[in-house]
């Protein structure tokens, strides 16, 4: 069923939270992620997440290519770097988050839409949506 849910949808964003999905159990970083990131600021944030702020600060003036290489080494556990266990980019976590305030992160925007929809008061006569624990219990018990 998870393969039928659209990435970036409000449904996926909220279901991940309600079900307590830990993406770190299922996803592993590799050389593809750094290769796709073209934003130097984001590369530094990712490096800080994976290798720690000391490593990110030490390479604050490095070019994007160098940052990608170091990040790839950490994600893959190569060249003497240790691979993180259970790490996912913030936008893949539940609830999702962004690294910058610029916006443009589909899962963060989807989560905000879902939270706004849940916060709206139901019209008179409509059923109330259960809170997170009640919803999780309903999903788990069928």
N, C-alpha and C. Protein backbone atom coordinates (compact mmCIF):
# COMPACT_ATOMS: atom_id res chain seq x y z
N UNK A 1 0.82 -1.18 0.00
CA UNK A 1 0.00 0.00 0.00
C UNK A 1 0.86 1.25 0.00
N UNK A 2 1.98 1.25 0.70
CA UNK A 2 2.80 2.46 0.80
C UNK A 2 3.26 2.92 -0.57
N UNK A 3 3.44 2.00 -1.51
CA UNK A 3 3.88 2.38 -2.84
C UNK A 3 2.79 3.11 -3.62
N UNK A 4 1.55 3.02 -3.17
CA UNK A 4 0.46 3.69 -3.88
C UNK A 4 0.23 5.11 -3.37
N UNK A 5 0.87 5.50 -2.28
CA UNK A 5 0.69 6.84 -1.73
C UNK A 5 1.63 7.81 -2.44
N UNK A 6 1.13 8.95 -2.79
CA UNK A 6 1.92 9.94 -3.52
C UNK A 6 2.88 10.66 -2.58
N UNK A 7 4.15 10.68 -2.95
CA UNK A 7 5.15 11.43 -2.21
C UNK A 7 4.79 12.91 -2.30
N UNK A 8 4.86 13.60 -1.19
CA UNK A 8 4.51 15.02 -1.20
C UNK A 8 3.05 15.28 -0.95
N UNK A 9 2.27 14.23 -0.69
CA UNK A 9 0.84 14.44 -0.43
C UNK A 9 0.61 14.63 1.06
N UNK A 10 -0.45 15.36 1.37
CA UNK A 10 -0.81 15.58 2.76
C UNK A 10 -1.13 14.26 3.46
N UNK A 11 -1.72 13.33 2.73
CA UNK A 11 -2.05 12.01 3.29
C UNK A 11 -0.79 11.29 3.74
N UNK A 12 0.20 11.26 2.88
CA UNK A 12 1.46 10.59 3.22
C UNK A 12 2.13 11.28 4.41
N UNK A 13 2.14 12.60 4.40
CA UNK A 13 2.79 13.34 5.48
C UNK A 13 2.16 13.02 6.83
N UNK A 14 0.85 12.98 6.89
CA UNK A 14 0.18 12.73 8.17
C UNK A 14 0.18 11.25 8.54
N UNK A 15 0.03 10.36 7.56
CA UNK A 15 0.05 8.93 7.89
C UNK A 15 1.39 8.53 8.49
N UNK A 16 2.47 9.07 7.96
CA UNK A 16 3.79 8.76 8.50
C UNK A 16 3.89 9.14 9.97
N UNK A 17 3.34 10.29 10.33
CA UNK A 17 3.35 10.74 11.72
C UNK A 17 2.45 9.86 12.56
N UNK A 18 1.22 9.63 12.10
CA UNK A 18 0.25 8.84 12.87
C UNK A 18 0.73 7.41 13.11
N UNK A 19 1.42 6.85 12.12
CA UNK A 19 1.89 5.47 12.25
C UNK A 19 3.26 5.36 12.91
N UNK A 20 3.88 6.50 13.17
CA UNK A 20 5.20 6.48 13.80
C UNK A 20 6.28 5.89 12.91
N UNK A 21 6.21 6.17 11.61
CA UNK A 21 7.18 5.63 10.66
C UNK A 21 8.57 6.21 10.93
N UNK A 22 9.55 5.35 11.03
CA UNK A 22 10.95 5.75 11.19
C UNK A 22 11.65 5.44 9.88
N UNK A 23 11.79 6.44 9.01
CA UNK A 23 12.38 6.23 7.69
C UNK A 23 13.84 5.77 7.78
N UNK A 24 14.50 6.06 8.89
CA UNK A 24 15.89 5.63 9.08
C UNK A 24 16.04 4.12 9.09
N UNK A 25 14.97 3.40 9.35
CA UNK A 25 15.01 1.93 9.31
C UNK A 25 14.97 1.40 7.88
N UNK A 26 14.48 2.23 6.95
CA UNK A 26 14.23 1.74 5.60
C UNK A 26 15.08 2.41 4.53
N UNK A 27 15.60 3.59 4.80
CA UNK A 27 16.34 4.33 3.78
C UNK A 27 17.81 4.46 4.19
N UNK A 28 18.68 4.33 3.22
CA UNK A 28 20.11 4.52 3.45
C UNK A 28 20.63 5.52 2.44
N UNK A 29 21.43 6.45 2.91
CA UNK A 29 22.04 7.42 2.03
C UNK A 29 23.14 6.77 1.20
N UNK A 30 23.35 7.29 0.01
CA UNK A 30 24.43 6.81 -0.85
C UNK A 30 24.91 7.98 -1.70
N UNK A 31 25.67 7.70 -2.73
CA UNK A 31 26.26 8.75 -3.56
C UNK A 31 25.23 9.52 -4.38
N UNK A 32 24.03 8.99 -4.52
CA UNK A 32 23.02 9.65 -5.34
C UNK A 32 22.56 10.97 -4.71
N UNK A 33 22.29 10.97 -3.41
CA UNK A 33 21.79 12.18 -2.76
C UNK A 33 22.72 13.37 -2.96
N UNK A 34 24.00 13.28 -2.60
CA UNK A 34 24.87 14.44 -2.81
C UNK A 34 24.98 14.85 -4.28
N UNK A 35 24.92 13.89 -5.18
CA UNK A 35 25.02 14.20 -6.61
C UNK A 35 23.83 15.03 -7.08
N UNK A 36 22.68 14.87 -6.46
CA UNK A 36 21.48 15.58 -6.87
C UNK A 36 21.36 16.98 -6.26
N UNK A 37 22.07 17.22 -5.17
CA UNK A 37 21.97 18.50 -4.48
C UNK A 37 22.90 19.52 -5.15
N UNK A 38 22.34 20.60 -5.60
CA UNK A 38 23.11 21.65 -6.27
C UNK A 38 23.28 22.89 -5.40
N UNK A 39 22.60 22.94 -4.30
CA UNK A 39 22.63 24.10 -3.40
C UNK A 39 23.73 23.93 -2.37
N UNK A 40 24.72 24.82 -2.39
CA UNK A 40 25.87 24.72 -1.50
C UNK A 40 25.47 24.84 -0.03
N UNK A 41 24.54 25.75 0.27
CA UNK A 41 24.08 25.91 1.65
C UNK A 41 23.44 24.62 2.16
N UNK A 42 22.64 23.99 1.32
CA UNK A 42 22.01 22.73 1.70
C UNK A 42 23.06 21.63 1.89
N UNK A 43 24.06 21.60 1.02
CA UNK A 43 25.14 20.61 1.18
C UNK A 43 25.82 20.77 2.54
N UNK A 44 26.05 21.99 2.97
CA UNK A 44 26.68 22.23 4.28
C UNK A 44 25.77 21.76 5.41
N UNK A 45 24.48 22.02 5.29
CA UNK A 45 23.54 21.54 6.32
C UNK A 45 23.52 20.02 6.37
N UNK A 46 23.48 19.38 5.21
CA UNK A 46 23.49 17.92 5.17
C UNK A 46 24.78 17.37 5.76
N UNK A 47 25.90 17.98 5.42
CA UNK A 47 27.18 17.55 5.97
C UNK A 47 27.19 17.70 7.48
N UNK A 48 26.64 18.80 7.98
CA UNK A 48 26.54 18.99 9.42
C UNK A 48 25.70 17.92 10.09
N UNK A 49 24.60 17.53 9.45
CA UNK A 49 23.75 16.47 9.97
C UNK A 49 24.48 15.13 10.01
N UNK A 50 25.19 14.82 8.94
CA UNK A 50 25.80 13.50 8.78
C UNK A 50 27.14 13.40 9.50
N UNK A 51 27.98 14.42 9.37
CA UNK A 51 29.34 14.36 9.90
C UNK A 51 29.54 15.17 11.16
N UNK A 52 28.60 16.04 11.45
CA UNK A 52 28.69 16.88 12.64
C UNK A 52 29.06 18.31 12.29
N UNK A 53 28.71 19.23 13.17
CA UNK A 53 28.95 20.65 12.90
C UNK A 53 30.42 21.02 12.79
N UNK A 54 31.30 20.31 13.48
CA UNK A 54 32.73 20.62 13.40
C UNK A 54 33.24 20.39 11.98
N UNK A 55 32.84 19.27 11.38
CA UNK A 55 33.26 18.96 10.00
C UNK A 55 32.66 19.97 9.03
N UNK A 56 31.39 20.30 9.21
CA UNK A 56 30.74 21.26 8.32
C UNK A 56 31.40 22.63 8.43
N UNK A 57 31.67 23.07 9.65
CA UNK A 57 32.33 24.36 9.85
C UNK A 57 33.73 24.38 9.24
N UNK A 58 34.45 23.27 9.36
CA UNK A 58 35.81 23.20 8.82
C UNK A 58 35.83 23.29 7.30
N UNK A 59 34.72 22.94 6.66
CA UNK A 59 34.65 22.96 5.21
C UNK A 59 33.70 24.05 4.70
N UNK A 60 33.44 25.05 5.52
CA UNK A 60 32.51 26.12 5.18
C UNK A 60 32.87 26.88 3.92
N UNK A 61 34.15 26.94 3.57
CA UNK A 61 34.60 27.66 2.38
C UNK A 61 34.82 26.75 1.18
N UNK A 62 34.59 25.46 1.35
CA UNK A 62 34.87 24.49 0.28
C UNK A 62 33.87 24.64 -0.86
N UNK A 63 34.31 24.24 -2.02
CA UNK A 63 33.42 24.24 -3.20
C UNK A 63 32.42 23.10 -3.09
N UNK A 64 31.34 23.21 -3.85
CA UNK A 64 30.28 22.20 -3.83
C UNK A 64 30.79 20.81 -4.15
N UNK A 65 31.72 20.70 -5.08
CA UNK A 65 32.26 19.39 -5.46
C UNK A 65 32.95 18.73 -4.27
N UNK A 66 33.70 19.52 -3.52
CA UNK A 66 34.39 18.99 -2.34
C UNK A 66 33.37 18.57 -1.28
N UNK A 67 32.35 19.39 -1.06
CA UNK A 67 31.31 19.06 -0.08
C UNK A 67 30.59 17.77 -0.47
N UNK A 68 30.31 17.62 -1.76
CA UNK A 68 29.65 16.39 -2.24
C UNK A 68 30.52 15.17 -1.97
N UNK A 69 31.82 15.30 -2.22
CA UNK A 69 32.74 14.18 -2.01
C UNK A 69 32.78 13.78 -0.54
N UNK A 70 32.89 14.75 0.35
CA UNK A 70 32.95 14.47 1.79
C UNK A 70 31.63 13.87 2.26
N UNK A 71 30.53 14.46 1.79
CA UNK A 71 29.21 13.94 2.18
C UNK A 71 29.02 12.51 1.68
N UNK A 72 29.42 12.25 0.45
CA UNK A 72 29.32 10.89 -0.11
C UNK A 72 30.17 9.92 0.70
N UNK A 73 31.39 10.32 1.05
CA UNK A 73 32.25 9.46 1.87
C UNK A 73 31.58 9.11 3.19
N UNK A 74 30.94 10.08 3.81
CA UNK A 74 30.26 9.80 5.08
C UNK A 74 29.04 8.91 4.88
N UNK A 75 28.24 9.20 3.87
CA UNK A 75 27.04 8.40 3.65
C UNK A 75 27.37 6.95 3.29
N UNK A 76 28.46 6.77 2.55
CA UNK A 76 28.84 5.43 2.09
C UNK A 76 29.84 4.74 3.02
N UNK A 77 30.36 5.47 4.00
CA UNK A 77 31.35 4.89 4.91
C UNK A 77 32.67 4.59 4.23
N UNK A 78 33.09 5.44 3.29
CA UNK A 78 34.33 5.23 2.55
C UNK A 78 35.39 6.26 2.95
N UNK A 79 36.63 5.98 2.55
CA UNK A 79 37.77 6.88 2.81
C UNK A 79 37.92 7.23 4.29
N UNK A 80 37.69 6.25 5.14
CA UNK A 80 37.88 6.44 6.57
C UNK A 80 36.76 7.17 7.28
N UNK A 81 35.71 7.47 6.58
CA UNK A 81 34.57 8.17 7.20
C UNK A 81 33.57 7.13 7.69
N UNK A 82 32.88 7.47 8.77
CA UNK A 82 31.89 6.54 9.30
C UNK A 82 30.51 6.87 8.75
N UNK A 83 29.79 5.83 8.35
CA UNK A 83 28.43 6.00 7.81
C UNK A 83 27.44 6.17 8.96
N UNK A 84 26.51 7.10 8.83
CA UNK A 84 25.51 7.29 9.89
C UNK A 84 24.51 6.14 9.90
N UNK A 85 24.00 5.85 11.07
CA UNK A 85 22.98 4.82 11.21
C UNK A 85 21.65 5.49 11.48
N UNK A 86 20.66 5.16 10.68
CA UNK A 86 19.33 5.69 10.91
C UNK A 86 19.11 7.13 10.50
N UNK A 87 20.07 7.72 9.79
CA UNK A 87 19.92 9.12 9.38
C UNK A 87 19.10 9.23 8.10
N UNK A 88 18.23 10.21 8.06
CA UNK A 88 17.52 10.58 6.83
C UNK A 88 17.53 12.10 6.74
N UNK A 89 17.48 12.63 5.53
CA UNK A 89 17.33 14.08 5.41
C UNK A 89 16.05 14.52 6.12
N UNK A 90 16.05 15.72 6.65
CA UNK A 90 14.91 16.20 7.43
C UNK A 90 13.59 16.11 6.67
N UNK A 91 13.62 16.31 5.36
CA UNK A 91 12.38 16.29 4.58
C UNK A 91 11.82 14.88 4.43
N UNK A 92 12.61 13.84 4.77
CA UNK A 92 12.13 12.46 4.71
C UNK A 92 11.66 11.93 6.05
N UNK A 93 11.81 12.72 7.10
CA UNK A 93 11.40 12.30 8.44
C UNK A 93 9.91 12.58 8.62
N UNK A 94 9.33 11.99 9.65
CA UNK A 94 7.94 12.26 10.00
C UNK A 94 7.90 12.81 11.41
N UNK A 95 7.49 14.04 11.62
CA UNK A 95 7.07 15.01 10.63
C UNK A 95 8.27 15.57 9.87
N UNK A 96 8.05 15.97 8.62
CA UNK A 96 9.15 16.48 7.81
C UNK A 96 9.54 17.90 8.23
N UNK A 97 10.77 18.28 7.92
CA UNK A 97 11.26 19.62 8.22
C UNK A 97 12.19 20.06 7.09
N UNK A 98 12.46 21.34 7.06
CA UNK A 98 13.35 21.90 6.05
C UNK A 98 14.67 22.31 6.72
N UNK A 99 15.69 22.49 5.92
CA UNK A 99 16.97 22.96 6.42
C UNK A 99 17.07 24.47 6.38
N UNK A 100 16.32 25.12 5.51
CA UNK A 100 16.35 26.57 5.40
C UNK A 100 14.92 27.09 5.46
N UNK A 101 14.78 28.39 5.58
CA UNK A 101 13.44 29.01 5.64
C UNK A 101 12.94 29.40 4.26
N UNK A 102 13.66 29.01 3.21
CA UNK A 102 13.29 29.41 1.85
C UNK A 102 12.02 28.76 1.35
N UNK A 103 11.64 27.63 1.90
CA UNK A 103 10.45 26.92 1.43
C UNK A 103 10.79 26.06 0.22
N UNK A 104 9.74 25.57 -0.43
CA UNK A 104 9.93 24.75 -1.62
C UNK A 104 10.20 23.29 -1.33
N UNK A 105 9.91 22.83 -0.11
CA UNK A 105 10.09 21.42 0.23
C UNK A 105 8.71 20.77 0.24
N UNK A 106 8.41 19.95 -0.78
CA UNK A 106 7.04 19.42 -0.93
C UNK A 106 6.49 18.72 0.31
N UNK A 107 7.28 17.90 0.99
CA UNK A 107 6.74 17.18 2.15
C UNK A 107 6.43 18.13 3.31
N UNK A 108 7.22 19.16 3.48
CA UNK A 108 6.96 20.15 4.54
C UNK A 108 5.67 20.90 4.22
N UNK A 109 5.51 21.29 2.97
CA UNK A 109 4.30 21.98 2.55
C UNK A 109 3.07 21.07 2.68
N UNK A 110 3.22 19.81 2.34
CA UNK A 110 2.12 18.85 2.46
C UNK A 110 1.73 18.66 3.92
N UNK A 111 2.73 18.57 4.79
CA UNK A 111 2.45 18.42 6.21
C UNK A 111 1.72 19.64 6.76
N UNK A 112 2.13 20.82 6.32
CA UNK A 112 1.45 22.04 6.77
C UNK A 112 0.00 22.06 6.31
N UNK A 113 -0.26 21.60 5.07
CA UNK A 113 -1.64 21.52 4.58
C UNK A 113 -2.45 20.54 5.42
N UNK A 114 -1.86 19.41 5.74
CA UNK A 114 -2.57 18.41 6.53
C UNK A 114 -2.86 18.93 7.93
N UNK A 115 -1.89 19.58 8.55
CA UNK A 115 -2.10 20.13 9.90
C UNK A 115 -3.18 21.21 9.89
N UNK A 116 -3.17 22.05 8.84
CA UNK A 116 -4.20 23.09 8.74
C UNK A 116 -5.58 22.47 8.58
N UNK A 117 -5.68 21.43 7.77
CA UNK A 117 -6.97 20.77 7.57
C UNK A 117 -7.46 20.12 8.86
N UNK A 118 -6.56 19.53 9.61
CA UNK A 118 -6.96 18.90 10.87
C UNK A 118 -7.35 19.93 11.93
N UNK A 119 -6.78 21.12 11.84
CA UNK A 119 -7.06 22.16 12.82
C UNK A 119 -8.41 22.84 12.59
N UNK A 120 -8.93 22.74 11.36
CA UNK A 120 -10.22 23.36 11.07
C UNK A 120 -11.31 22.66 11.85
N UNK A 121 -12.19 23.46 12.41
CA UNK A 121 -13.31 22.88 13.16
C UNK A 121 -14.29 22.25 12.18
N UNK A 122 -14.78 21.06 12.50
CA UNK A 122 -15.76 20.42 11.61
C UNK A 122 -17.09 21.17 11.66
N UNK A 123 -17.79 21.10 10.55
CA UNK A 123 -19.11 21.72 10.49
C UNK A 123 -20.06 20.97 11.42
N UNK A 124 -21.10 21.64 11.84
CA UNK A 124 -22.06 21.02 12.74
C UNK A 124 -22.64 19.77 12.09
N UNK A 125 -22.70 18.69 12.86
CA UNK A 125 -23.24 17.44 12.36
C UNK A 125 -22.19 16.53 11.75
N UNK A 126 -21.00 17.04 11.49
CA UNK A 126 -19.94 16.20 10.95
C UNK A 126 -19.21 15.49 12.09
N UNK A 127 -18.69 14.33 11.78
CA UNK A 127 -17.92 13.59 12.77
C UNK A 127 -16.61 14.31 13.02
N UNK A 128 -16.17 14.28 14.25
CA UNK A 128 -14.87 14.85 14.61
C UNK A 128 -13.78 13.86 14.22
N UNK A 129 -12.65 14.39 13.76
CA UNK A 129 -11.51 13.51 13.49
C UNK A 129 -10.89 13.14 14.83
N UNK A 130 -10.49 11.89 15.01
CA UNK A 130 -9.86 11.50 16.27
C UNK A 130 -8.48 12.13 16.39
N UNK A 131 -8.04 12.27 17.65
CA UNK A 131 -6.69 12.78 17.84
C UNK A 131 -5.68 11.73 17.38
N UNK A 132 -4.40 12.06 17.39
CA UNK A 132 -3.36 11.18 16.85
C UNK A 132 -3.34 9.80 17.46
N UNK A 133 -3.43 9.70 18.79
CA UNK A 133 -3.39 8.39 19.44
C UNK A 133 -4.62 7.56 19.10
N UNK A 134 -5.78 8.20 19.08
CA UNK A 134 -7.00 7.48 18.75
C UNK A 134 -6.98 7.01 17.30
N UNK A 135 -6.47 7.87 16.41
CA UNK A 135 -6.37 7.49 15.00
C UNK A 135 -5.40 6.32 14.83
N UNK A 136 -4.28 6.35 15.52
CA UNK A 136 -3.30 5.27 15.43
C UNK A 136 -3.93 3.98 15.93
N UNK A 137 -4.66 4.04 17.03
CA UNK A 137 -5.32 2.86 17.58
C UNK A 137 -6.35 2.30 16.59
N UNK A 138 -7.11 3.18 15.95
CA UNK A 138 -8.10 2.73 14.97
C UNK A 138 -7.42 2.06 13.79
N UNK A 139 -6.32 2.63 13.32
CA UNK A 139 -5.61 2.06 12.18
C UNK A 139 -5.05 0.70 12.55
N UNK A 140 -4.47 0.58 13.74
CA UNK A 140 -3.82 -0.66 14.15
C UNK A 140 -4.82 -1.79 14.42
N UNK A 141 -6.01 -1.41 14.89
CA UNK A 141 -6.99 -2.45 15.23
C UNK A 141 -7.97 -2.72 14.10
N UNK A 142 -7.88 -1.90 13.07
CA UNK A 142 -8.74 -2.11 11.91
C UNK A 142 -10.02 -1.47 12.13
